[in-house]
Every structure is written in C-alpha cells, then in structure tokens.
Amino acid sequence: MVTIWGEEMNRFLLPCLVFVCLAVPALAQQSNQTSQTVLNCDESAGCTHQFVNGTKFKTLIGNGFTVTVALSGNKKYFRADVSVLNSSASNADVFPANFTLEEVEPKEKSLAYVDAEKIMRSIQKRAAWGNAMTGMGAGMQRQQSTTTTTNTGTASATGSDGSYATGTYNGSSVSTTSSPDYAAQARANQVIQARNQQVAAISQQLSETSLRANTVAPNQSVRGFVFFEADKKVKDVVLSIPIGATVYRFPFGFLHQ
C-alpha cells in the first residue's frame, strides 16, 4: 500500500465526518467585549457534550445558534469538526477563515488557520516528488545478460623446407550487455498509479468535507472541517467561532503520553 502521509495522517484524514447537534439547551456564560457578545462553553455551567466513537463533541446554544465542535490533531494539523445551526430569524454568515485557535498552555500563541486548498496542494506536491523519485529509481535499474561465444577450427602451416603441420584450436569469449529493466519500470508505474489514486481520493474528501464560507438561512445548518497549524507540545487551546455579533468559545485540553 502506498502512503502519502503515513498511517497516522491517513487515519486522521480518511474517517467519515460525524456531527452531533444536541437537543438539550445549553447554558452559556456571557461577557461583553467591545460590540460582541462572547459565549464560553463552560461545562460546569451547562455547556453540553457527547462522545461519538471516542471523540468529544461540545455543544453551545445561545443568541439564536447551536454550535457543535470537536477538535483533534496530529503532528501537522489540528482539525475542528464544526456544525452551525441557525435558529434565529435572520440569515447569518459563517466564515471559517475568521475562526481562531489560541494556544493557552504551555505558552500563549495563535495557531494559524490553514485553508483546505493549501493542504491539497501540499499533498499533491509530496506525491509528485514521490512519483519523480520512484520513476528515477526504476529508470536507473538495468537488466544484464551474459553471452558466451565459442570458436573452433583447424590451422595449418608450411615451412620453407617443405615441412607441413596441421592442428585444431578452440576458444570462447564472454560478453555482457545491459538493457533497461522493464519489469522494474512496470512495478514503478503501478506504484505511481496507486499513489495518484490515493491523492485523488484524499483531495476529493478534503474538498467535500472542508467547511466553506456560507450564508446560513433560518432553520438551516452548515458543517465541515476547519484546519489549523499544529503544535506537538500543546496542552490547552481555545477555539473561537464568530457568528454575527457573537463569539462562541470552546476550550480543549490534550494529554501527552
């Protein structure tokens, strides 16, 4: 099996998208920050959660919207699974590029938003490089063949005094020729084809499941994946999702073995 990102990355990207919108109303702590209202997902104050196949989804309800979020990560990216249900009477714009992920521990810093298109280009670039190396390796492989040639015959000689002599001889020579290893080239083409198919499948899934900018009508919902750069040493982060005049904030913690 050809791998582009290794097993860990494939497990990270390939599972089906799962979202849970809980029906139980959640309480939210409110605070004013300039002209926006900030709702913090505080589970002790009623922000609900539910585990789905080992993943924790948090749901925060307030100001006309139900926002459900799960957060996972690997060495390269954090992936937020986000669902937004509009229960208000007006349309609302959801812009994933405006979402923020702030690292709180062990140090405070912003983890940059990563567009899904950038991830696709990175995958395709890695695959193209891998294909080039595979093809180059196959092209350098040579198949050698050895040919042995045997010569036999009779020789005669006559001396100036009239003497005469005859005899037989035999000998052999070995030659080696080199030609392209067509079997190696065929195997390389199979590897390249499998890699390209895998890249196409991952790119299609990213395109279908990533969250795009959307205007959400009343009683409608939108959902998808949002990516951020990773920090392998992170312990605590806060994901902020602005919708209209409200910011929905979700804290998450990570345990390191």
C-alpha atoms as a PDB file:
ATOM      1  CA  MET A   1       0.000   0.000   0.000  1.00  0.00           C
ATOM      2  CA  VAL A   2       1.325   3.407  -0.927  1.00  0.00           C
ATOM      3  CA  THR A   3       1.260   6.023   1.786  1.00  0.00           C
ATOM      4  CA  ILE A   4       1.460   9.762   1.320  1.00  0.00           C
ATOM      5  CA  TRP A   5       1.270  10.948   4.907  1.00  0.00           C
ATOM      6  CA  GLY A   6       1.932   7.687   6.761  1.00  0.00           C
ATOM      7  CA  GLU A   7      -0.655   5.719   8.682  1.00  0.00           C
ATOM      8  CA  GLU A   8      -1.250   8.457  11.213  1.00  0.00           C
ATOM      9  CA  MET A   9      -2.148  11.022   8.598  1.00  0.00           C
ATOM     10  CA  ASN A  10      -4.356   8.614   6.672  1.00  0.00           C
ATOM     11  CA  ARG A  11      -6.276   7.764   9.849  1.00  0.00           C
ATOM     12  CA  PHE A  12      -6.604  11.464  10.510  1.00  0.00           C
ATOM     13  CA  LEU A  13      -7.965  12.462   7.098  1.00  0.00           C
ATOM     14  CA  LEU A  14      -9.974   9.494   5.901  1.00  0.00           C
ATOM     15  CA  PRO A  15     -12.663   8.814   8.619  1.00  0.00           C
ATOM     16  CA  CYS A  16     -16.216   9.896   7.785  1.00  0.00           C
ATOM     17  CA  LEU A  17     -17.400  13.290   9.026  1.00  0.00           C
ATOM     18  CA  VAL A  18     -19.542  12.992  12.159  1.00  0.00           C
ATOM     19  CA  PHE A  19     -21.520  15.798  13.707  1.00  0.00           C
ATOM     20  CA  VAL A  20     -23.854  15.802  16.650  1.00  0.00           C
ATOM     21  CA  CYS A  21     -26.281  18.616  17.413  1.00  0.00           C
ATOM     22  CA  LEU A  22     -27.616  18.061  20.897  1.00  0.00           C
ATOM     23  CA  ALA A  23     -31.241  18.934  21.551  1.00  0.00           C
ATOM     24  CA  VAL A  24     -30.758  19.792  25.232  1.00  0.00           C
ATOM     25  CA  PRO A  25     -30.497  23.579  25.687  1.00  0.00           C
ATOM     26  CA  ALA A  26     -27.107  24.644  26.965  1.00  0.00           C
ATOM     27  CA  LEU A  27     -26.444  27.459  29.374  1.00  0.00           C
ATOM     28  CA  ALA A  28     -23.738  29.896  28.410  1.00  0.00           C
ATOM     29  CA  GLN A  29     -21.683  32.371  30.363  1.00  0.00           C
ATOM     30  CA  GLN A  30     -21.886  35.763  28.714  1.00  0.00           C
ATOM     31  CA  SER A  31     -19.497  38.678  28.759  1.00  0.00           C
ATOM     32  CA  ASN A  32     -19.228  41.848  26.718  1.00  0.00           C
ATOM     33  CA  GLN A  33     -16.169  42.503  24.607  1.00  0.00           C
ATOM     34  CA  THR A  34     -16.448  45.745  22.609  1.00  0.00           C
ATOM     35  CA  SER A  35     -19.597  45.288  20.462  1.00  0.00           C
ATOM     36  CA  GLN A  36     -19.550  41.483  20.502  1.00  0.00           C
ATOM     37  CA  THR A  37     -21.049  39.044  22.961  1.00  0.00           C
ATOM     38  CA  VAL A  38     -18.778  36.191  23.993  1.00  0.00           C
ATOM     39  CA  LEU A  39     -20.321  32.859  24.940  1.00  0.00           C
ATOM     40  CA  ASN A  40     -17.944  30.491  26.693  1.00  0.00           C
ATOM     41  CA  CYS A  41     -18.503  26.749  26.635  1.00  0.00           C
ATOM     42  CA  ASP A  42     -18.268  26.079  30.363  1.00  0.00           C
ATOM     43  CA  GLU A  43     -19.434  22.518  31.040  1.00  0.00           C
ATOM     44  CA  SER A  44     -19.885  23.229  34.736  1.00  0.00           C
ATOM     45  CA  ALA A  45     -22.405  25.913  33.743  1.00  0.00           C
ATOM     46  CA  GLY A  46     -24.361  23.713  31.368  1.00  0.00           C
ATOM     47  CA  CYS A  47     -22.449  23.620  28.071  1.00  0.00           C
ATOM     48  CA  THR A  48     -23.219  20.059  26.955  1.00  0.00           C
ATOM     49  CA  HIS A  49     -21.002  17.382  25.449  1.00  0.00           C
ATOM     50  CA  GLN A  50     -21.313  13.935  23.961  1.00  0.00           C
ATOM     51  CA  PHE A  51     -18.763  11.298  22.944  1.00  0.00           C
ATOM     52  CA  VAL A  52     -19.075   9.783  19.463  1.00  0.00           C
ATOM     53  CA  ASN A  53     -16.690   6.916  18.654  1.00  0.00           C
ATOM     54  CA  GLY A  54     -14.220   8.240  21.212  1.00  0.00           C
ATOM     55  CA  THR A  55     -14.394  11.858  20.017  1.00  0.00           C
ATOM     56  CA  LYS A  56     -15.792  14.511  22.351  1.00  0.00           C
ATOM     57  CA  PHE A  57     -18.272  16.927  20.762  1.00  0.00           C
ATOM     58  CA  LYS A  58     -19.162  20.101  22.670  1.00  0.00           C
ATOM     59  CA  THR A  59     -22.412  21.980  22.033  1.00  0.00           C
ATOM     60  CA  LEU A  60     -23.074  25.611  22.907  1.00  0.00           C
ATOM     61  CA  ILE A  61     -26.528  27.166  22.383  1.00  0.00           C
ATOM     62  CA  GLY A  62     -27.151  30.886  22.567  1.00  0.00           C
ATOM     63  CA  ASN A  63     -28.182  34.035  20.691  1.00  0.00           C
ATOM     64  CA  GLY A  64     -30.068  32.086  18.050  1.00  0.00           C
ATOM     65  CA  PHE A  65     -27.415  29.500  17.122  1.00  0.00           C
ATOM     66  CA  THR A  66     -26.416  25.984  18.093  1.00  0.00           C
ATOM     67  CA  VAL A  67     -22.696  25.393  17.570  1.00  0.00           C
ATOM     68  CA  THR A  68     -21.236  21.909  17.930  1.00  0.00           C
ATOM     69  CA  VAL A  69     -17.472  21.384  17.840  1.00  0.00           C
ATOM     70  CA  ALA A  70     -14.921  18.579  18.162  1.00  0.00           C
ATOM     71  CA  LEU A  71     -11.173  19.070  17.950  1.00  0.00           C
ATOM     72  CA  SER A  72      -8.483  16.553  17.025  1.00  0.00           C
ATOM     73  CA  GLY A  73      -4.907  16.819  15.867  1.00  0.00           C
ATOM     74  CA  ASN A  74      -1.775  15.171  14.580  1.00  0.00           C
ATOM     75  CA  LYS A  75       1.802  16.355  14.111  1.00  0.00           C
ATOM     76  CA  LYS A  76       0.900  18.636  11.208  1.00  0.00           C
ATOM     77  CA  TYR A  77      -2.628  19.972  11.681  1.00  0.00           C
ATOM     78  CA  PHE A  78      -5.440  20.498  14.147  1.00  0.00           C
ATOM     79  CA  ARG A  79      -8.841  19.685  12.698  1.00  0.00           C
ATOM     80  CA  ALA A  80     -12.022  21.239  14.063  1.00  0.00           C
ATOM     81  CA  ASP A  81     -15.301  19.498  13.210  1.00  0.00           C
ATOM     82  CA  VAL A  82     -17.827  22.332  13.247  1.00  0.00           C
ATOM     83  CA  SER A  83     -21.617  22.354  12.878  1.00  0.00           C
ATOM     84  CA  VAL A  84     -23.683  25.568  12.996  1.00  0.00           C
ATOM     85  CA  LEU A  85     -27.488  25.521  13.208  1.00  0.00           C
ATOM     86  CA  ASN A  86     -29.278  28.845  12.665  1.00  0.00           C
ATOM     87  CA  SER A  87     -32.315  29.077  14.932  1.00  0.00           C
ATOM     88  CA  SER A  88     -32.653  32.843  14.533  1.00  0.00           C
ATOM     89  CA  ALA A  89     -34.994  34.728  12.220  1.00  0.00           C
ATOM     90  CA  SER A  90     -32.239  36.145  10.006  1.00  0.00           C
ATOM     91  CA  ASN A  91     -29.537  34.900   7.651  1.00  0.00           C
ATOM     92  CA  ALA A  92     -26.074  34.550   9.163  1.00  0.00           C
ATOM     93  CA  ASP A  93     -22.654  34.453   7.522  1.00  0.00           C
ATOM     94  CA  VAL A  94     -20.180  31.797   8.649  1.00  0.00           C
ATOM     95  CA  PHE A  95     -16.559  32.483   7.656  1.00  0.00           C
ATOM     96  CA  PRO A  96     -14.134  29.682   8.643  1.00  0.00           C
ATOM     97  CA  ALA A  97     -11.148  31.925   7.847  1.00  0.00           C
ATOM     98  CA  ASN A  98     -12.264  34.118  10.774  1.00  0.00           C
ATOM     99  CA  PHE A  99     -12.165  31.225  13.241  1.00  0.00           C
ATOM    100  CA  THR A 100      -9.199  31.334  15.614  1.00  0.00           C
ATOM    101  CA  LEU A 101      -7.363  28.709  17.625  1.00  0.00           C
ATOM    102  CA  GLU A 102      -5.370  30.090  20.538  1.00  0.00           C
ATOM    103  CA  GLU A 103      -2.851  28.023  22.448  1.00  0.00           C
ATOM    104  CA  VAL A 104      -3.075  28.711  26.183  1.00  0.00           C
ATOM    105  CA  GLU A 105      -0.643  26.149  27.621  1.00  0.00           C
ATOM    106  CA  PRO A 106       2.290  25.653  27.712  1.00  0.00           C
ATOM    107  CA  LYS A 107       2.592  29.096  26.069  1.00  0.00           C
ATOM    108  CA  GLU A 108       0.213  31.639  24.622  1.00  0.00           C
ATOM    109  CA  LYS A 109       0.214  31.921  20.845  1.00  0.00           C
ATOM    110  CA  SER A 110      -2.109  31.834  17.858  1.00  0.00           C
ATOM    111  CA  LEU A 111      -2.217  28.729  15.680  1.00  0.00           C
ATOM    112  CA  ALA A 112      -2.768  29.846  12.105  1.00  0.00           C
ATOM    113  CA  TYR A 113      -5.828  28.919  10.075  1.00  0.00           C
ATOM    114  CA  VAL A 114      -4.933  26.610   7.157  1.00  0.00           C
ATOM    115  CA  ASP A 115      -7.076  26.593   4.032  1.00  0.00           C
ATOM    116  CA  ALA A 116      -8.020  23.126   2.748  1.00  0.00           C
ATOM    117  CA  GLU A 117      -6.729  24.084  -0.705  1.00  0.00           C
ATOM    118  CA  LYS A 118      -3.273  24.560   0.787  1.00  0.00           C
ATOM    119  CA  ILE A 119      -3.407  21.080   2.304  1.00  0.00           C
ATOM    120  CA  MET A 120      -4.416  19.624  -1.066  1.00  0.00           C
ATOM    121  CA  ARG A 121      -1.534  21.389  -2.808  1.00  0.00           C
ATOM    122  CA  SER A 122       0.869  20.092  -0.176  1.00  0.00           C
ATOM    123  CA  ILE A 123      -0.380  16.523  -0.674  1.00  0.00           C
ATOM    124  CA  GLN A 124      -0.100  16.825  -4.449  1.00  0.00           C
ATOM    125  CA  LYS A 125       3.404  18.282  -4.208  1.00  0.00           C
ATOM    126  CA  ARG A 126       4.573  15.434  -1.975  1.00  0.00           C
ATOM    127  CA  ALA A 127       3.033  12.904  -4.344  1.00  0.00           C
ATOM    128  CA  ALA A 128       4.674  14.488  -7.394  1.00  0.00           C
ATOM    129  CA  TRP A 129       8.046  14.367  -5.663  1.00  0.00           C
ATOM    130  CA  GLY A 130       7.486  10.743  -4.681  1.00  0.00           C
ATOM    131  CA  ASN A 131       6.495   9.857  -8.252  1.00  0.00           C
ATOM    132  CA  ALA A 132       9.620  11.514  -9.629  1.00  0.00           C
ATOM    133  CA  MET A 133      11.857   9.585  -7.241  1.00  0.00           C
ATOM    134  CA  THR A 134      10.054   6.304  -7.995  1.00  0.00           C
ATOM    135  CA  GLY A 135      10.384   6.818 -11.747  1.00  0.00           C
ATOM    136  CA  MET A 136      14.015   7.844 -11.465  1.00  0.00           C
ATOM    137  CA  GLY A 137      14.850   4.783  -9.412  1.00  0.00           C
ATOM    138  CA  ALA A 138      13.177   2.462 -11.901  1.00  0.00           C
ATOM    139  CA  GLY A 139      14.922   4.156 -14.821  1.00  0.00           C
ATOM    140  CA  MET A 140      18.322   3.604 -13.225  1.00  0.00           C
ATOM    141  CA  GLN A 141      17.760  -0.121 -12.778  1.00  0.00           C
ATOM    142  CA  ARG A 142      19.390  -2.180 -15.532  1.00  0.00           C
ATOM    143  CA  GLN A 143      18.973  -5.781 -16.579  1.00  0.00           C
ATOM    144  CA  GLN A 144      22.221  -7.544 -17.523  1.00  0.00           C
ATOM    145  CA  SER A 145      22.603 -10.513 -19.850  1.00  0.00           C
ATOM    146  CA  THR A 146      25.752 -12.592 -20.496  1.00  0.00           C
ATOM    147  CA  THR A 147      26.623 -14.191 -23.840  1.00  0.00           C
ATOM    148  CA  THR A 148      29.324 -16.843 -24.295  1.00  0.00           C
ATOM    149  CA  THR A 149      30.790 -17.339 -27.795  1.00  0.00           C
ATOM    150  CA  THR A 150      32.808 -20.477 -28.675  1.00  0.00           C
ATOM    151  CA  ASN A 151      35.178 -20.639 -31.682  1.00  0.00           C
ATOM    152  CA  THR A 152      36.721 -23.848 -33.129  1.00  0.00           C
ATOM    153  CA  GLY A 153      38.759 -24.548 -36.309  1.00  0.00           C
ATOM    154  CA  THR A 154      41.791 -26.107 -37.970  1.00  0.00           C
ATOM    155  CA  ALA A 155      45.079 -24.357 -38.687  1.00  0.00           C
ATOM    156  CA  SER A 156      47.896 -25.455 -40.976  1.00  0.00           C
ATOM    157  CA  ALA A 157      51.394 -24.189 -41.708  1.00  0.00           C
ATOM    158  CA  THR A 158      54.074 -24.991 -44.337  1.00  0.00           C
ATOM    159  CA  GLY A 159      57.758 -24.405 -43.692  1.00  0.00           C
ATOM    160  CA  SER A 160      60.354 -23.147 -46.212  1.00  0.00           C
ATOM    161  CA  ASP A 161      61.974 -26.573 -46.248  1.00  0.00           C
ATOM    162  CA  GLY A 162      58.737 -28.141 -47.342  1.00  0.00           C
ATOM    163  CA  SER A 163      57.602 -29.341 -43.930  1.00  0.00           C
ATOM    164  CA  TYR A 164      53.927 -29.262 -43.183  1.00  0.00           C
ATOM    165  CA  ALA A 165      51.931 -29.186 -39.956  1.00  0.00           C
ATOM    166  CA  THR A 166      48.251 -29.032 -39.062  1.00  0.00           C
ATOM    167  CA  GLY A 167      46.351 -28.611 -35.816  1.00  0.00           C
ATOM    168  CA  THR A 168      42.973 -27.714 -34.330  1.00  0.00           C
ATOM    169  CA  TYR A 169      42.033 -24.894 -31.968  1.00  0.00           C
ATOM    170  CA  ASN A 170      39.064 -23.874 -29.872  1.00  0.00           C
ATOM    171  CA  GLY A 171      38.312 -20.929 -27.624  1.00  0.00           C
ATOM    172  CA  SER A 172      35.485 -18.962 -26.008  1.00  0.00           C
ATOM    173  CA  SER A 173      34.704 -15.360 -25.148  1.00  0.00           C
ATOM    174  CA  VAL A 174      32.197 -13.868 -22.728  1.00  0.00           C
ATOM    175  CA  SER A 175      30.350 -10.582 -23.326  1.00  0.00           C
ATOM    176  CA  THR A 176      27.914  -8.747 -21.012  1.00  0.00           C
ATOM    177  CA  THR A 177      25.208  -6.422 -22.243  1.00  0.00           C
ATOM    178  CA  SER A 178      22.989  -4.059 -20.201  1.00  0.00           C
ATOM    179  CA  SER A 179      19.391  -3.095 -21.015  1.00  0.00           C
ATOM    180  CA  PRO A 180      16.556  -1.269 -19.219  1.00  0.00           C
ATOM    181  CA  ASP A 181      14.773  -3.292 -16.532  1.00  0.00           C
ATOM    182  CA  TYR A 182      11.277  -3.190 -17.989  1.00  0.00           C
ATOM    183  CA  ALA A 183       9.841  -5.223 -15.110  1.00  0.00           C
ATOM    184  CA  ALA A 184      11.119  -2.614 -12.622  1.00  0.00           C
ATOM    185  CA  GLN A 185       9.589   0.147 -14.730  1.00  0.00           C
ATOM    186  CA  ALA A 186       6.229  -1.661 -14.762  1.00  0.00           C
ATOM    187  CA  ARG A 187       6.306  -2.009 -10.965  1.00  0.00           C
ATOM    188  CA  ALA A 188       7.177   1.688 -10.621  1.00  0.00           C
ATOM    189  CA  ASN A 189       4.257   2.647 -12.853  1.00  0.00           C
ATOM    190  CA  GLN A 190       1.922   0.624 -10.642  1.00  0.00           C
ATOM    191  CA  VAL A 191       3.234   2.400  -7.537  1.00  0.00           C
ATOM    192  CA  ILE A 192       2.817   5.809  -9.192  1.00  0.00           C
ATOM    193  CA  GLN A 193      -0.710   4.967 -10.321  1.00  0.00           C
ATOM    194  CA  ALA A 194      -1.704   3.799  -6.831  1.00  0.00           C
ATOM    195  CA  ARG A 195      -0.221   6.949  -5.291  1.00  0.00           C
ATOM    196  CA  ASN A 196      -2.088   9.196  -7.717  1.00  0.00           C
ATOM    197  CA  GLN A 197      -5.355   7.399  -6.951  1.00  0.00           C
ATOM    198  CA  GLN A 198      -4.788   7.855  -3.235  1.00  0.00           C
ATOM    199  CA  VAL A 199      -4.038  11.565  -3.673  1.00  0.00           C
ATOM    200  CA  ALA A 200      -7.185  11.992  -5.766  1.00  0.00           C
ATOM    201  CA  ALA A 201      -9.292  10.265  -3.084  1.00  0.00           C
ATOM    202  CA  ILE A 202      -7.857  12.370  -0.253  1.00  0.00           C
ATOM    203  CA  SER A 203      -8.213  15.598  -2.252  1.00  0.00           C
ATOM    204  CA  GLN A 204     -11.816  14.800  -3.098  1.00  0.00           C
ATOM    205  CA  GLN A 205     -12.629  14.056   0.531  1.00  0.00           C
ATOM    206  CA  LEU A 206     -10.991  17.280   1.682  1.00  0.00           C
ATOM    207  CA  SER A 207     -12.958  19.214  -0.922  1.00  0.00           C
ATOM    208  CA  GLU A 208     -16.244  17.599   0.105  1.00  0.00           C
ATOM    209  CA  THR A 209     -15.824  17.819   3.884  1.00  0.00           C
ATOM    210  CA  SER A 210     -13.999  21.109   4.498  1.00  0.00           C
ATOM    211  CA  LEU A 211     -16.119  23.985   5.758  1.00  0.00           C
ATOM    212  CA  ARG A 212     -16.510  26.828   3.249  1.00  0.00           C
ATOM    213  CA  ALA A 213     -17.816  30.343   3.715  1.00  0.00           C
ATOM    214  CA  ASN A 214     -21.603  30.082   3.827  1.00  0.00           C
ATOM    215  CA  THR A 215     -24.667  32.198   4.428  1.00  0.00           C
ATOM    216  CA  VAL A 216     -26.924  30.102   6.645  1.00  0.00           C
ATOM    217  CA  ALA A 217     -30.653  30.728   6.359  1.00  0.00           C
ATOM    218  CA  PRO A 218     -33.026  30.382   9.339  1.00  0.00           C
ATOM    219  CA  ASN A 219     -33.634  26.766  10.377  1.00  0.00           C
ATOM    220  CA  GLN A 220     -30.720  25.663   8.178  1.00  0.00           C
ATOM    221  CA  SER A 221     -27.298  24.323   9.185  1.00  0.00           C
ATOM    222  CA  VAL A 222     -23.799  24.094   7.773  1.00  0.00           C
ATOM    223  CA  ARG A 223     -20.986  21.776   8.771  1.00  0.00           C
ATOM    224  CA  GLY A 224     -17.454  20.784   7.844  1.00  0.00           C
ATOM    225  CA  PHE A 225     -13.780  20.546   8.807  1.00  0.00           C
ATOM    226  CA  VAL A 226     -11.619  23.572   9.616  1.00  0.00           C
ATOM    227  CA  PHE A 227      -7.828  23.193   9.854  1.00  0.00           C
ATOM    228  CA  PHE A 228      -5.162  24.984  11.865  1.00  0.00           C
ATOM    229  CA  GLU A 229      -1.412  24.568  12.194  1.00  0.00           C
ATOM    230  CA  ALA A 230      -0.364  22.138  14.919  1.00  0.00           C
ATOM    231  CA  ASP A 231       1.896  22.356  17.929  1.00  0.00           C
ATOM    232  CA  LYS A 232       3.028  18.964  19.185  1.00  0.00           C
ATOM    233  CA  LYS A 233       3.608  20.301  22.716  1.00  0.00           C
ATOM    234  CA  VAL A 234       0.222  21.984  23.132  1.00  0.00           C
ATOM    235  CA  LYS A 235      -1.805  21.227  26.260  1.00  0.00           C
ATOM    236  CA  ASP A 236      -4.730  23.662  26.249  1.00  0.00           C
ATOM    237  CA  VAL A 237      -6.314  25.624  23.417  1.00  0.00           C
ATOM    238  CA  VAL A 238      -9.423  27.751  22.859  1.00  0.00           C
ATOM    239  CA  LEU A 239     -11.320  27.638  19.567  1.00  0.00           C
ATOM    240  CA  SER A 240     -13.310  30.827  18.834  1.00  0.00           C
ATOM    241  CA  ILE A 241     -16.106  30.892  16.240  1.00  0.00           C
ATOM    242  CA  PRO A 242     -17.572  34.330  15.436  1.00  0.00           C
ATOM    243  CA  ILE A 243     -21.116  34.359  14.047  1.00  0.00           C
ATOM    244  CA  GLY A 244     -22.674  37.780  13.623  1.00  0.00           C
ATOM    245  CA  ALA A 245     -22.233  39.741  16.853  1.00  0.00           C
ATOM    246  CA  THR A 246     -21.496  36.638  18.939  1.00  0.00           C
ATOM    247  CA  VAL A 247     -18.265  34.733  19.509  1.00  0.00           C
ATOM    248  CA  TYR A 248     -18.614  31.101  20.605  1.00  0.00           C
ATOM    249  CA  ARG A 249     -15.554  29.942  22.548  1.00  0.00           C
ATOM    250  CA  PHE A 250     -14.636  26.279  23.148  1.00  0.00           C
ATOM    251  CA  PRO A 251     -11.718  25.224  25.384  1.00  0.00           C
ATOM    252  CA  PHE A 252     -10.000  21.895  24.696  1.00  0.00           C
ATOM    253  CA  GLY A 253      -7.209  20.074  26.508  1.00  0.00           C
ATOM    254  CA  PHE A 254      -4.756  17.461  25.227  1.00  0.00           C
ATOM    255  CA  LEU A 255      -2.981  14.760  27.221  1.00  0.00           C
ATOM    256  CA  HIS A 256       0.519  13.729  26.127  1.00  0.00           C
ATOM    257  CA  GLN A 257       1.715  10.184  26.857  1.00  0.00           C
END
